[in-house]
Amino acid sequence: MWQQWTTFVLGLWLIVAPFTFQYTGTARWNDVVLGVLIVILAYWGAMQQSTSQIREQPEHVGHH
């Protein structure tokens, strides 16, 4: 799960870096578009994994 969140943060960095380091032209938009795609896919992957973990948890039945 931590891998998806790390990827999410790196995607955010790709969005912010061009404005921090004053990229121009194609390099700026390449990083921004790629960063947005990475953020969306990383978030989606993290949500998919967390919902599958919830479904896999066994129900606690009162058998002793």
C-alpha atoms as a PDB file:
ATOM      1  CA  MET A   1       0.000   0.000   0.000  1.00  0.00           C
ATOM      2  CA  TRP A   2       2.837   2.412   0.772  1.00  0.00           C
ATOM      3  CA  GLN A   3       4.079   2.027  -2.807  1.00  0.00           C
ATOM      4  CA  GLN A   4       0.914   3.595  -4.226  1.00  0.00           C
ATOM      5  CA  TRP A   5       1.143   6.553  -1.847  1.00  0.00           C
ATOM      6  CA  THR A   6       4.827   7.048  -2.661  1.00  0.00           C
ATOM      7  CA  THR A   7       3.956   7.041  -6.353  1.00  0.00           C
ATOM      8  CA  PHE A   8       1.154   9.520  -5.625  1.00  0.00           C
ATOM      9  CA  VAL A   9       3.611  11.921  -3.940  1.00  0.00           C
ATOM     10  CA  LEU A  10       6.115  11.562  -6.794  1.00  0.00           C
ATOM     11  CA  GLY A  11       3.315  12.343  -9.254  1.00  0.00           C
ATOM     12  CA  LEU A  12       2.523  15.495  -7.271  1.00  0.00           C
ATOM     13  CA  TRP A  13       6.187  16.420  -7.479  1.00  0.00           C
ATOM     14  CA  LEU A  14       6.057  16.099 -11.267  1.00  0.00           C
ATOM     15  CA  ILE A  15       3.179  18.568 -11.286  1.00  0.00           C
ATOM     16  CA  VAL A  16       4.909  21.083  -8.987  1.00  0.00           C
ATOM     17  CA  ALA A  17       8.528  20.810 -10.216  1.00  0.00           C
ATOM     18  CA  PRO A  18       8.107  22.634 -13.546  1.00  0.00           C
ATOM     19  CA  PHE A  19       6.761  25.694 -11.732  1.00  0.00           C
ATOM     20  CA  THR A  20       9.400  25.490  -8.981  1.00  0.00           C
ATOM     21  CA  PHE A  21      12.312  25.221 -11.410  1.00  0.00           C
ATOM     22  CA  GLN A  22      10.783  27.469 -14.100  1.00  0.00           C
ATOM     23  CA  TYR A  23      10.562  24.903 -16.918  1.00  0.00           C
ATOM     24  CA  THR A  24       9.125  26.274 -20.134  1.00  0.00           C
ATOM     25  CA  GLY A  25       7.364  24.910 -23.174  1.00  0.00           C
ATOM     26  CA  THR A  26       7.052  21.220 -23.870  1.00  0.00           C
ATOM     27  CA  ALA A  27       9.091  20.112 -20.846  1.00  0.00           C
ATOM     28  CA  ARG A  28       6.668  21.862 -18.482  1.00  0.00           C
ATOM     29  CA  TRP A  29       3.541  20.377 -20.031  1.00  0.00           C
ATOM     30  CA  ASN A  30       5.092  16.932 -20.348  1.00  0.00           C
ATOM     31  CA  ASP A  31       5.784  16.843 -16.602  1.00  0.00           C
ATOM     32  CA  VAL A  32       2.398  18.289 -15.661  1.00  0.00           C
ATOM     33  CA  VAL A  33       0.368  15.904 -17.830  1.00  0.00           C
ATOM     34  CA  LEU A  34       2.434  12.891 -16.817  1.00  0.00           C
ATOM     35  CA  GLY A  35       2.206  13.930 -13.155  1.00  0.00           C
ATOM     36  CA  VAL A  36      -1.586  14.205 -13.339  1.00  0.00           C
ATOM     37  CA  LEU A  37      -1.852  10.750 -14.913  1.00  0.00           C
ATOM     38  CA  ILE A  38       0.454   9.242 -12.296  1.00  0.00           C
ATOM     39  CA  VAL A  39      -1.475  10.871  -9.435  1.00  0.00           C
ATOM     40  CA  ILE A  40      -4.803   9.604 -10.772  1.00  0.00           C
ATOM     41  CA  LEU A  41      -3.542   6.055 -11.340  1.00  0.00           C
ATOM     42  CA  ALA A  42      -1.713   5.871  -7.993  1.00  0.00           C
ATOM     43  CA  TYR A  43      -4.782   7.099  -6.102  1.00  0.00           C
ATOM     44  CA  TRP A  44      -7.026   4.671  -7.978  1.00  0.00           C
ATOM     45  CA  GLY A  45      -4.627   1.807  -7.245  1.00  0.00           C
ATOM     46  CA  ALA A  46      -4.488   2.669  -3.552  1.00  0.00           C
ATOM     47  CA  MET A  47      -8.285   2.790  -3.339  1.00  0.00           C
ATOM     48  CA  GLN A  48      -8.622  -0.525  -5.170  1.00  0.00           C
ATOM     49  CA  GLN A  49      -6.181  -2.176  -2.802  1.00  0.00           C
ATOM     50  CA  SER A  50      -7.821  -0.783   0.325  1.00  0.00           C
ATOM     51  CA  THR A  51     -11.299  -1.926  -0.767  1.00  0.00           C
ATOM     52  CA  SER A  52     -10.019  -5.411  -1.601  1.00  0.00           C
ATOM     53  CA  GLN A  53      -8.433  -5.659   1.860  1.00  0.00           C
ATOM     54  CA  ILE A  54     -11.747  -4.750   3.465  1.00  0.00           C
ATOM     55  CA  ARG A  55     -13.542  -7.494   1.509  1.00  0.00           C
ATOM     56  CA  GLU A  56     -10.929 -10.119   2.410  1.00  0.00           C
ATOM     57  CA  GLN A  57     -11.209  -9.662   6.181  1.00  0.00           C
ATOM     58  CA  PRO A  58     -12.987 -12.637   7.729  1.00  0.00           C
ATOM     59  CA  GLU A  59     -16.133 -12.057   9.691  1.00  0.00           C
ATOM     60  CA  HIS A  60     -15.822 -12.718  13.374  1.00  0.00           C
ATOM     61  CA  VAL A  61     -18.259 -15.450  14.312  1.00  0.00           C
ATOM     62  CA  GLY A  62     -18.866 -16.347  17.906  1.00  0.00           C
ATOM     63  CA  HIS A  63     -17.652 -19.964  17.708  1.00  0.00           C
ATOM     64  CA  HIS A  64     -15.644 -21.105  20.700  1.00  0.00           C
END
